[in-house]
Amino acid sequence: MLAAPTTHFVSLAQAILFRGAGLAVVWPQLLAIAAIGVVFVLVALARSRRTVALG
């Protein structure tokens, strides 16, 4: 479940909404969401390049 961005987003949102946490507290969740996003973008880019090369 740690590979799913929703897990980190829920934790991030709960910390901010319920506890009023600041950036110093939620930066690990932000970093995890950003890393997962980068991985998804790189996979999509590789797949699109492969598709264009075949067509």
Protein backbone atom coordinates (compact mmCIF):
# COMPACT_ATOMS: atom_id res chain seq x y z
CA MET A 1 0.00 0.00 0.00
CA LEU A 2 2.94 2.35 0.41
CA ALA A 3 3.31 2.47 -3.38
CA ALA A 4 -0.16 4.02 -3.71
CA PRO A 5 -0.17 7.83 -3.59
CA THR A 6 -3.59 7.87 -1.92
CA THR A 7 -2.13 6.33 1.23
CA HIS A 8 0.29 9.22 1.61
CA PHE A 9 -2.30 11.81 0.63
CA VAL A 10 -4.76 10.64 3.29
CA SER A 11 -2.05 10.77 5.93
CA LEU A 12 -1.02 14.23 4.75
CA ALA A 13 -4.57 15.55 4.68
CA GLN A 14 -5.41 14.17 8.12
CA ALA A 15 -2.29 15.71 9.63
CA ILE A 16 -3.11 19.12 8.17
CA LEU A 17 -6.87 19.13 8.74
CA PHE A 18 -7.11 17.47 12.13
CA ARG A 19 -3.85 18.47 13.80
CA GLY A 20 -2.94 21.65 11.96
CA ALA A 21 0.46 20.21 11.06
CA GLY A 22 2.91 22.35 9.17
CA LEU A 23 5.43 21.58 6.46
CA ALA A 24 7.99 20.39 9.01
CA VAL A 25 5.67 17.52 9.93
CA VAL A 26 4.23 16.52 6.55
CA TRP A 27 7.33 16.74 4.34
CA PRO A 28 7.84 12.94 4.24
CA GLN A 29 4.35 12.45 2.78
CA LEU A 30 4.92 15.24 0.25
CA LEU A 31 8.24 13.69 -0.75
CA ALA A 32 6.64 10.25 -1.15
CA ILE A 33 3.83 11.65 -3.32
CA ALA A 34 6.33 13.54 -5.47
CA ALA A 35 8.54 10.44 -5.89
CA ILE A 36 5.58 8.28 -6.89
CA GLY A 37 4.52 10.97 -9.35
CA VAL A 38 7.97 11.09 -10.92
CA VAL A 39 7.96 7.31 -11.33
CA PHE A 40 4.53 7.40 -13.00
CA VAL A 41 5.61 10.19 -15.37
CA LEU A 42 8.79 8.35 -16.33
CA VAL A 43 6.88 5.14 -17.03
CA ALA A 44 4.33 7.04 -19.13
CA LEU A 45 7.10 8.80 -21.03
CA ALA A 46 8.88 5.53 -21.78
CA ARG A 47 5.65 3.90 -22.94
CA SER A 48 4.74 6.84 -25.17
CA ARG A 49 8.20 6.92 -26.73
CA ARG A 50 7.98 3.19 -27.42
CA THR A 51 4.55 3.64 -29.01
CA VAL A 52 5.74 6.50 -31.23
CA ALA A 53 8.83 4.51 -32.26
CA LEU A 54 6.68 1.56 -33.33
CA GLY A 55 4.18 3.66 -35.25
